[in-house]
């Protein structure tokens, strides 16, 4: 009890005998303080009981290592468990970080499949010719340069004019003659050659 701040709170009552006294009547008793610090106490951990019993002055040290103390998952899954289960929870937690086998990025375990869907280094198969590629980042060049099953459309299709389609094979002539939206009759000048 801080004697300087307790003066303003008025009379106090002894919890042992009920005697009323003023805060300024309190004196520090080093002998009594030592006796209190040496009192044996049980670990207050709940909901699981801990068998530790020791001096009151060591309770904080014990709390820092108590195997029964309830902890919250540090990975953010929301689970609570006794400190003694930390290792097993860390190995099974759906939010534990794992490294992508392909790019090495650290990703929460429950999101690794989503990560693989966009990871540039993840192996993929071409949807058209079914060829296996060593990484997703090679797919674009495969489609442009190698895949004979990939069907290309004229870039002018986005303008609403050209509907020409061709398998990915070299062309030497313009792909089509068509009307482009918002333009006069014109020839589509797109060519793969």
Protein backbone atom coordinates (compact mmCIF):
# COMPACT_ATOMS: atom_id res chain seq x y z
CA UNK A 1 0.00 0.00 0.00
CA UNK A 2 1.42 3.37 -0.99
CA UNK A 3 1.12 5.60 2.07
CA UNK A 4 1.26 8.84 0.05
CA UNK A 5 -1.73 8.00 -2.15
CA UNK A 6 -3.68 6.07 0.51
CA UNK A 7 -4.09 9.13 2.79
CA UNK A 8 -6.84 10.43 0.54
CA UNK A 9 -8.91 7.24 0.71
CA UNK A 10 -9.83 7.61 4.39
CA UNK A 11 -9.96 5.02 7.17
CA UNK A 12 -9.11 1.38 6.46
CA UNK A 13 -10.30 -1.81 8.13
CA UNK A 14 -8.00 -4.66 9.12
CA UNK A 15 -9.05 -7.82 7.28
CA UNK A 16 -8.09 -9.96 10.32
CA UNK A 17 -9.83 -8.30 13.28
CA UNK A 18 -11.94 -5.55 11.69
CA UNK A 19 -10.19 -2.75 13.60
CA UNK A 20 -10.43 0.61 11.85
CA UNK A 21 -7.22 2.61 11.36
CA UNK A 22 -5.88 5.50 9.34
CA UNK A 23 -3.46 4.90 6.41
CA UNK A 24 -0.79 6.98 8.15
CA UNK A 25 -0.75 4.37 10.96
CA UNK A 26 0.65 1.73 8.57
CA UNK A 27 4.34 1.02 8.99
CA UNK A 28 6.58 -1.16 6.82
CA UNK A 29 7.65 -4.19 8.81
CA UNK A 30 10.58 -5.88 7.07
CA UNK A 31 10.37 -8.95 9.28
CA UNK A 32 6.67 -9.40 8.52
CA UNK A 33 7.29 -8.73 4.82
CA UNK A 34 9.94 -11.51 4.74
CA UNK A 35 7.54 -13.92 6.46
CA UNK A 36 4.87 -13.15 3.87
CA UNK A 37 7.29 -13.62 0.94
CA UNK A 38 8.32 -17.00 2.37
CA UNK A 39 4.75 -18.29 2.80
CA UNK A 40 4.16 -21.45 0.78
CA UNK A 41 1.50 -21.05 -1.89
CA UNK A 42 -0.02 -23.28 -4.53
CA UNK A 43 0.10 -22.40 -8.22
CA UNK A 44 -3.14 -20.54 -9.06
CA UNK A 45 -3.24 -21.83 -12.65
CA UNK A 46 -6.69 -22.73 -13.95
CA UNK A 47 -8.50 -24.54 -15.50
CA UNK A 48 -5.85 -27.28 -15.23
CA UNK A 49 -4.40 -27.72 -11.74
CA UNK A 50 -0.64 -27.46 -11.34
CA UNK A 51 1.15 -29.37 -8.58
CA UNK A 52 3.75 -26.65 -7.93
CA UNK A 53 3.99 -25.37 -4.38
CA UNK A 54 6.59 -22.82 -3.36
CA UNK A 55 7.34 -19.52 -1.66
CA UNK A 56 5.09 -16.59 -2.59
CA UNK A 57 8.13 -14.64 -3.80
CA UNK A 58 8.72 -17.28 -6.52
CA UNK A 59 5.16 -17.36 -7.91
CA UNK A 60 5.93 -14.96 -10.77
CA UNK A 61 8.99 -16.99 -11.84
CA UNK A 62 6.89 -20.15 -11.77
CA UNK A 63 4.13 -18.48 -13.79
CA UNK A 64 6.65 -17.81 -16.57
CA UNK A 65 7.36 -21.56 -16.92
CA UNK A 66 4.24 -23.25 -15.50
CA UNK A 67 3.39 -26.18 -17.81
CA UNK A 68 -0.33 -25.87 -16.99
CA UNK A 69 -0.65 -22.13 -17.67
CA UNK A 70 -3.11 -21.49 -20.48
CA UNK A 71 -1.58 -19.83 -23.54
CA UNK A 72 -3.15 -18.45 -26.71
CA UNK A 73 -1.85 -19.60 -30.08
CA UNK A 74 0.82 -17.24 -31.37
CA UNK A 75 -0.10 -18.00 -35.00
CA UNK A 76 -3.60 -16.53 -34.63
CA UNK A 77 -5.84 -19.58 -34.91
CA UNK A 78 -7.61 -18.67 -31.65
CA UNK A 79 -6.84 -21.93 -29.85
CA UNK A 80 -5.93 -21.95 -26.16
CA UNK A 81 -3.89 -24.73 -24.60
CA UNK A 82 -1.60 -25.46 -21.64
CA UNK A 83 2.04 -24.42 -22.09
CA UNK A 84 2.98 -28.13 -22.06
CA UNK A 85 1.03 -28.59 -25.33
CA UNK A 86 2.78 -25.74 -27.17
CA UNK A 87 5.01 -28.01 -29.25
CA UNK A 88 2.22 -30.35 -30.38
CA UNK A 89 -0.10 -27.42 -31.19
CA UNK A 90 2.65 -25.66 -33.15
CA UNK A 91 3.11 -28.80 -35.27
CA UNK A 92 -0.62 -29.11 -36.04
CA UNK A 93 -1.91 -25.51 -36.07
CA UNK A 94 -3.68 -24.65 -39.35
CA UNK A 95 -2.18 -21.14 -39.17
CA UNK A 96 1.43 -22.29 -38.60
CA UNK A 97 3.79 -20.84 -41.20
CA UNK A 98 5.20 -23.23 -43.78
CA UNK A 99 7.43 -22.52 -46.74
CA UNK A 100 6.17 -23.03 -50.26
CA UNK A 101 8.10 -25.94 -51.81
CA UNK A 102 8.44 -24.00 -55.05
CA UNK A 103 9.25 -20.38 -54.16
CA UNK A 104 10.18 -20.58 -50.48
CA UNK A 105 7.66 -17.94 -49.38
CA UNK A 106 6.31 -18.40 -45.85
CA UNK A 107 2.53 -18.98 -45.99
CA UNK A 108 -0.01 -20.03 -43.31
CA UNK A 109 -0.56 -23.77 -43.68
CA UNK A 110 -4.29 -23.42 -44.35
CA UNK A 111 -3.59 -21.06 -47.28
CA UNK A 112 -0.85 -23.05 -49.05
CA UNK A 113 -3.23 -24.50 -51.67
CA UNK A 114 -4.47 -21.00 -52.56
CA UNK A 115 -0.86 -19.84 -52.75
CA UNK A 116 0.01 -22.68 -55.15
CA UNK A 117 -2.74 -21.47 -57.51
CA UNK A 118 -0.84 -18.22 -58.06
CA UNK A 119 2.78 -19.15 -57.29
CA UNK A 120 4.96 -18.38 -60.33
CA UNK A 121 7.29 -21.29 -59.53
CA UNK A 122 4.62 -23.96 -59.03
CA UNK A 123 4.60 -26.66 -61.76
CA UNK A 124 1.54 -26.56 -64.01
CA UNK A 125 0.10 -28.31 -67.04
CA UNK A 126 -1.03 -26.49 -70.14
CA UNK A 127 -4.84 -26.55 -70.31
CA UNK A 128 -4.68 -26.93 -74.10
CA UNK A 129 -1.99 -29.49 -74.92
CA UNK A 130 -1.62 -30.94 -71.38
CA UNK A 131 2.16 -30.56 -71.46
CA UNK A 132 3.74 -30.41 -67.98
CA UNK A 133 5.69 -27.23 -67.35
CA UNK A 134 8.25 -26.76 -64.57
CA UNK A 135 6.72 -23.46 -63.44
CA UNK A 136 3.68 -21.23 -63.98
CA UNK A 137 5.91 -18.38 -65.16
CA UNK A 138 6.79 -20.45 -68.27
CA UNK A 139 3.13 -20.89 -69.25
CA UNK A 140 2.78 -17.57 -71.10
CA UNK A 141 5.79 -18.17 -73.33
CA UNK A 142 4.65 -21.77 -73.88
CA UNK A 143 1.26 -20.54 -75.09
CA UNK A 144 2.79 -17.90 -77.34
CA UNK A 145 5.64 -19.93 -78.80
CA UNK A 146 5.07 -23.68 -78.46
CA UNK A 147 1.51 -24.82 -77.86
CA UNK A 148 -0.08 -26.00 -81.09
CA UNK A 149 -3.48 -26.47 -79.39
CA UNK A 150 -3.78 -22.92 -78.04
CA UNK A 151 -6.47 -21.00 -79.92
CA UNK A 152 -5.59 -17.36 -80.41
CA UNK A 153 -8.15 -14.66 -81.03
CA UNK A 154 -7.47 -11.38 -82.74
CA UNK A 155 -6.62 -8.62 -80.24
CA UNK A 156 -9.18 -6.46 -82.03
CA UNK A 157 -11.95 -8.68 -80.64
CA UNK A 158 -11.87 -6.45 -77.55
CA UNK A 159 -12.85 -3.55 -79.78
CA UNK A 160 -15.88 -5.50 -80.89
CA UNK A 161 -14.80 -5.97 -84.49
CA UNK A 162 -12.70 -9.04 -85.24
CA UNK A 163 -13.90 -12.54 -84.44
CA UNK A 164 -11.11 -14.39 -86.22
CA UNK A 165 -9.54 -17.35 -84.34
CA UNK A 166 -6.58 -19.51 -85.26
CA UNK A 167 -4.46 -22.19 -83.66
CA UNK A 168 -1.06 -20.92 -82.58
CA UNK A 169 0.66 -21.28 -85.95
CA UNK A 170 2.60 -18.63 -87.88
CA UNK A 171 0.48 -16.55 -90.24
CA UNK A 172 1.83 -14.45 -93.04
CA UNK A 173 -1.27 -12.49 -93.95
CA UNK A 174 -3.50 -10.19 -91.97
CA UNK A 175 -5.95 -12.16 -89.87
CA UNK A 176 -9.12 -10.62 -91.24
CA UNK A 177 -10.99 -7.75 -92.79
CA UNK A 178 -13.62 -6.44 -90.45
CA UNK A 179 -15.45 -3.41 -89.23
CA UNK A 180 -14.09 -1.97 -86.01
CA UNK A 181 -16.45 -0.33 -83.57
CA UNK A 182 -16.34 3.44 -83.92
CA UNK A 183 -14.27 3.35 -87.10
CA UNK A 184 -15.01 3.35 -90.77
CA UNK A 185 -14.58 0.21 -92.85
CA UNK A 186 -11.08 -0.91 -92.17
CA UNK A 187 -8.83 -3.90 -92.47
CA UNK A 188 -7.65 -5.53 -89.28
CA UNK A 189 -3.88 -5.23 -89.45
CA UNK A 190 -3.09 -7.82 -86.79
CA UNK A 191 -0.67 -10.45 -88.06
CA UNK A 192 1.41 -13.13 -86.35
CA UNK A 193 4.10 -13.11 -89.04
